């Protein structure tokens, strides 16, 4: 089989825009990229490096996840990571994570990063004007 286990294509997206939310539900950020797999058996390796994940007050979990279209990919309430402060105030960190997806389609798929407070009081933010956040999609032949 030609291309099995090989990187078939790579696409990426970047942002330096802040997305802030007080919502317990997932809020779309401006970090996204789209890919059109060449085969329904291909895997998509999604790699995210976030320049900024902020919490604004004590006992707040700033959570981050990926969606492919409307499908949330982590399958758990805290997504692919969170940043927490017990002491409150203005606290920030960077975050990086990967996920191997099986979209089973040759249609274009958009992968987008989302942020949430998870129901805690306060504001959760992702991205910042002085920090670059990136998303990279790699199609892997299977």
C-alpha atoms as a PDB file:
ATOM      1  CA  UNK A   1       0.000   0.000   0.000  1.00  0.00           C
ATOM      2  CA  UNK A   2       1.503   3.299  -1.060  1.00  0.00           C
ATOM      3  CA  UNK A   3       1.638   6.006   1.580  1.00  0.00           C
ATOM      4  CA  UNK A   4       0.859   3.765   4.570  1.00  0.00           C
ATOM      5  CA  UNK A   5       2.358   5.296   7.706  1.00  0.00           C
ATOM      6  CA  UNK A   6       3.565   8.348   5.801  1.00  0.00           C
ATOM      7  CA  UNK A   7       2.702  12.009   6.227  1.00  0.00           C
ATOM      8  CA  UNK A   8       0.524  12.805   3.204  1.00  0.00           C
ATOM      9  CA  UNK A   9      -0.101  16.496   3.873  1.00  0.00           C
ATOM     10  CA  UNK A  10       0.409  19.165   6.516  1.00  0.00           C
ATOM     11  CA  UNK A  11      -1.659  22.300   7.095  1.00  0.00           C
ATOM     12  CA  UNK A  12      -1.532  24.839   9.885  1.00  0.00           C
ATOM     13  CA  UNK A  13      -3.214  27.869  11.345  1.00  0.00           C
ATOM     14  CA  UNK A  14      -2.132  30.572  13.758  1.00  0.00           C
ATOM     15  CA  UNK A  15      -3.692  33.285  15.877  1.00  0.00           C
ATOM     16  CA  UNK A  16      -2.618  36.082  18.157  1.00  0.00           C
ATOM     17  CA  UNK A  17      -6.183  37.008  19.120  1.00  0.00           C
ATOM     18  CA  UNK A  18      -7.592  36.640  22.627  1.00  0.00           C
ATOM     19  CA  UNK A  19     -10.852  34.746  23.090  1.00  0.00           C
ATOM     20  CA  UNK A  20     -12.409  35.260  26.545  1.00  0.00           C
ATOM     21  CA  UNK A  21     -15.480  33.620  28.008  1.00  0.00           C
ATOM     22  CA  UNK A  22     -17.470  33.374  31.221  1.00  0.00           C
ATOM     23  CA  UNK A  23     -19.455  30.477  29.781  1.00  0.00           C
ATOM     24  CA  UNK A  24     -19.587  26.927  31.105  1.00  0.00           C
ATOM     25  CA  UNK A  25     -20.038  25.686  27.538  1.00  0.00           C
ATOM     26  CA  UNK A  26     -17.293  25.538  24.915  1.00  0.00           C
ATOM     27  CA  UNK A  27     -16.595  28.877  23.188  1.00  0.00           C
ATOM     28  CA  UNK A  28     -14.874  28.945  19.781  1.00  0.00           C
ATOM     29  CA  UNK A  29     -11.466  30.628  19.560  1.00  0.00           C
ATOM     30  CA  UNK A  30      -9.922  31.998  16.372  1.00  0.00           C
ATOM     31  CA  UNK A  31      -7.389  29.140  16.244  1.00  0.00           C
ATOM     32  CA  UNK A  32      -8.411  26.718  13.498  1.00  0.00           C
ATOM     33  CA  UNK A  33      -7.253  24.889  10.377  1.00  0.00           C
ATOM     34  CA  UNK A  34      -8.977  22.814   7.701  1.00  0.00           C
ATOM     35  CA  UNK A  35      -7.812  19.680   5.913  1.00  0.00           C
ATOM     36  CA  UNK A  36      -9.253  17.461   3.189  1.00  0.00           C
ATOM     37  CA  UNK A  37      -8.085  13.869   3.746  1.00  0.00           C
ATOM     38  CA  UNK A  38      -7.127  11.887   0.641  1.00  0.00           C
ATOM     39  CA  UNK A  39      -8.625   8.661   2.027  1.00  0.00           C
ATOM     40  CA  UNK A  40     -11.364   7.677   4.475  1.00  0.00           C
ATOM     41  CA  UNK A  41      -8.816   5.499   6.297  1.00  0.00           C
ATOM     42  CA  UNK A  42      -6.388   8.370   6.943  1.00  0.00           C
ATOM     43  CA  UNK A  43      -5.646   9.559  10.465  1.00  0.00           C
ATOM     44  CA  UNK A  44      -5.281  13.245  11.291  1.00  0.00           C
ATOM     45  CA  UNK A  45      -2.711  14.195  13.911  1.00  0.00           C
ATOM     46  CA  UNK A  46      -3.817  17.453  15.521  1.00  0.00           C
ATOM     47  CA  UNK A  47      -1.130  19.415  17.392  1.00  0.00           C
ATOM     48  CA  UNK A  48      -1.970  22.559  19.352  1.00  0.00           C
ATOM     49  CA  UNK A  49       0.389  24.983  21.022  1.00  0.00           C
ATOM     50  CA  UNK A  50      -1.422  27.722  22.895  1.00  0.00           C
ATOM     51  CA  UNK A  51       0.407  30.922  23.682  1.00  0.00           C
ATOM     52  CA  UNK A  52      -1.886  31.853  26.524  1.00  0.00           C
ATOM     53  CA  UNK A  53      -4.435  30.221  28.830  1.00  0.00           C
ATOM     54  CA  UNK A  54      -5.668  32.531  31.570  1.00  0.00           C
ATOM     55  CA  UNK A  55      -7.885  32.414  34.623  1.00  0.00           C
ATOM     56  CA  UNK A  56      -9.202  35.557  36.282  1.00  0.00           C
ATOM     57  CA  UNK A  57     -10.186  34.504  39.805  1.00  0.00           C
ATOM     58  CA  UNK A  58      -9.727  31.786  42.412  1.00  0.00           C
ATOM     59  CA  UNK A  59     -11.135  28.288  41.928  1.00  0.00           C
ATOM     60  CA  UNK A  60     -11.520  28.795  38.168  1.00  0.00           C
ATOM     61  CA  UNK A  61     -10.574  26.115  35.659  1.00  0.00           C
ATOM     62  CA  UNK A  62      -9.750  27.507  32.215  1.00  0.00           C
ATOM     63  CA  UNK A  63     -10.366  24.470  29.976  1.00  0.00           C
ATOM     64  CA  UNK A  64      -9.399  23.910  26.366  1.00  0.00           C
ATOM     65  CA  UNK A  65     -10.477  21.377  23.735  1.00  0.00           C
ATOM     66  CA  UNK A  66     -10.651  20.708  20.002  1.00  0.00           C
ATOM     67  CA  UNK A  67     -13.738  20.268  17.859  1.00  0.00           C
ATOM     68  CA  UNK A  68     -13.907  18.795  14.377  1.00  0.00           C
ATOM     69  CA  UNK A  69     -16.922  20.635  13.054  1.00  0.00           C
ATOM     70  CA  UNK A  70     -19.428  20.298  15.893  1.00  0.00           C
ATOM     71  CA  UNK A  71     -17.844  17.133  17.345  1.00  0.00           C
ATOM     72  CA  UNK A  72     -15.888  17.647  20.571  1.00  0.00           C
ATOM     73  CA  UNK A  73     -12.914  15.289  20.409  1.00  0.00           C
ATOM     74  CA  UNK A  74     -11.701  14.775  23.988  1.00  0.00           C
ATOM     75  CA  UNK A  75     -14.901  13.134  25.251  1.00  0.00           C
ATOM     76  CA  UNK A  76     -14.299  14.405  28.803  1.00  0.00           C
ATOM     77  CA  UNK A  77     -15.442  17.532  30.672  1.00  0.00           C
ATOM     78  CA  UNK A  78     -11.965  19.041  31.156  1.00  0.00           C
ATOM     79  CA  UNK A  79     -11.070  18.690  27.471  1.00  0.00           C
ATOM     80  CA  UNK A  80      -7.387  18.358  26.614  1.00  0.00           C
ATOM     81  CA  UNK A  81      -6.168  20.347  29.583  1.00  0.00           C
ATOM     82  CA  UNK A  82      -6.951  23.101  31.990  1.00  0.00           C
ATOM     83  CA  UNK A  83      -5.261  25.751  34.045  1.00  0.00           C
ATOM     84  CA  UNK A  84      -6.373  26.311  37.626  1.00  0.00           C
ATOM     85  CA  UNK A  85      -5.673  28.802  40.380  1.00  0.00           C
ATOM     86  CA  UNK A  86      -6.602  28.380  44.019  1.00  0.00           C
ATOM     87  CA  UNK A  87      -5.282  31.793  45.032  1.00  0.00           C
ATOM     88  CA  UNK A  88      -7.088  33.932  42.503  1.00  0.00           C
ATOM     89  CA  UNK A  89      -5.952  36.990  40.665  1.00  0.00           C
ATOM     90  CA  UNK A  90      -4.646  37.076  37.142  1.00  0.00           C
ATOM     91  CA  UNK A  91      -2.841  33.837  36.281  1.00  0.00           C
ATOM     92  CA  UNK A  92      -1.648  32.594  32.914  1.00  0.00           C
ATOM     93  CA  UNK A  93       0.196  29.695  31.314  1.00  0.00           C
ATOM     94  CA  UNK A  94       0.963  28.109  27.955  1.00  0.00           C
ATOM     95  CA  UNK A  95      -0.492  24.768  26.883  1.00  0.00           C
ATOM     96  CA  UNK A  96       0.374  22.154  24.256  1.00  0.00           C
ATOM     97  CA  UNK A  97      -1.397  18.914  23.364  1.00  0.00           C
ATOM     98  CA  UNK A  98      -1.893  16.419  20.541  1.00  0.00           C
ATOM     99  CA  UNK A  99      -4.711  14.171  19.381  1.00  0.00           C
ATOM    100  CA  UNK A 100      -4.859  11.466  16.704  1.00  0.00           C
ATOM    101  CA  UNK A 101      -8.254  11.652  15.016  1.00  0.00           C
ATOM    102  CA  UNK A 102     -10.005   9.249  12.637  1.00  0.00           C
ATOM    103  CA  UNK A 103     -12.484  11.401  10.706  1.00  0.00           C
ATOM    104  CA  UNK A 104     -13.392   8.603   8.216  1.00  0.00           C
ATOM    105  CA  UNK A 105     -14.167  11.081   5.448  1.00  0.00           C
ATOM    106  CA  UNK A 106     -12.621  12.690   2.394  1.00  0.00           C
ATOM    107  CA  UNK A 107     -14.657  15.845   2.929  1.00  0.00           C
ATOM    108  CA  UNK A 108     -12.963  18.974   4.235  1.00  0.00           C
ATOM    109  CA  UNK A 109     -12.797  18.994   8.035  1.00  0.00           C
ATOM    110  CA  UNK A 110     -12.188  22.051  10.196  1.00  0.00           C
ATOM    111  CA  UNK A 111     -10.435  21.596  13.533  1.00  0.00           C
ATOM    112  CA  UNK A 112     -10.924  24.468  15.962  1.00  0.00           C
ATOM    113  CA  UNK A 113      -9.781  25.162  19.523  1.00  0.00           C
ATOM    114  CA  UNK A 114     -12.448  25.972  22.130  1.00  0.00           C
ATOM    115  CA  UNK A 115     -12.193  27.373  25.666  1.00  0.00           C
ATOM    116  CA  UNK A 116     -14.542  27.150  28.676  1.00  0.00           C
ATOM    117  CA  UNK A 117     -14.793  28.006  32.370  1.00  0.00           C
ATOM    118  CA  UNK A 118     -16.437  24.656  33.043  1.00  0.00           C
ATOM    119  CA  UNK A 119     -19.042  26.409  35.194  1.00  0.00           C
ATOM    120  CA  UNK A 120     -16.636  28.189  37.543  1.00  0.00           C
ATOM    121  CA  UNK A 121     -17.200  31.894  38.218  1.00  0.00           C
ATOM    122  CA  UNK A 122     -14.837  34.246  36.409  1.00  0.00           C
ATOM    123  CA  UNK A 123     -13.300  34.561  32.959  1.00  0.00           C
ATOM    124  CA  UNK A 124     -11.220  32.049  31.011  1.00  0.00           C
ATOM    125  CA  UNK A 125      -9.143  33.245  28.051  1.00  0.00           C
ATOM    126  CA  UNK A 126      -7.116  31.648  25.272  1.00  0.00           C
ATOM    127  CA  UNK A 127      -4.652  33.456  22.997  1.00  0.00           C
ATOM    128  CA  UNK A 128      -2.997  36.865  23.231  1.00  0.00           C
ATOM    129  CA  UNK A 129      -1.777  39.634  20.931  1.00  0.00           C
ATOM    130  CA  UNK A 130       1.872  39.204  21.984  1.00  0.00           C
ATOM    131  CA  UNK A 131       1.896  35.384  21.917  1.00  0.00           C
ATOM    132  CA  UNK A 132       1.448  33.180  18.853  1.00  0.00           C
ATOM    133  CA  UNK A 133      -0.826  30.126  19.142  1.00  0.00           C
ATOM    134  CA  UNK A 134      -0.648  27.422  16.475  1.00  0.00           C
ATOM    135  CA  UNK A 135      -2.579  24.401  15.259  1.00  0.00           C
ATOM    136  CA  UNK A 136      -0.995  21.885  12.890  1.00  0.00           C
ATOM    137  CA  UNK A 137      -2.858  19.087  11.083  1.00  0.00           C
ATOM    138  CA  UNK A 138      -0.956  16.149   9.597  1.00  0.00           C
ATOM    139  CA  UNK A 139      -2.668  13.546   7.441  1.00  0.00           C
ATOM    140  CA  UNK A 140      -1.157  10.121   8.112  1.00  0.00           C
ATOM    141  CA  UNK A 141      -1.704   7.374   5.558  1.00  0.00           C
ATOM    142  CA  UNK A 142      -3.095   4.134   7.021  1.00  0.00           C
END
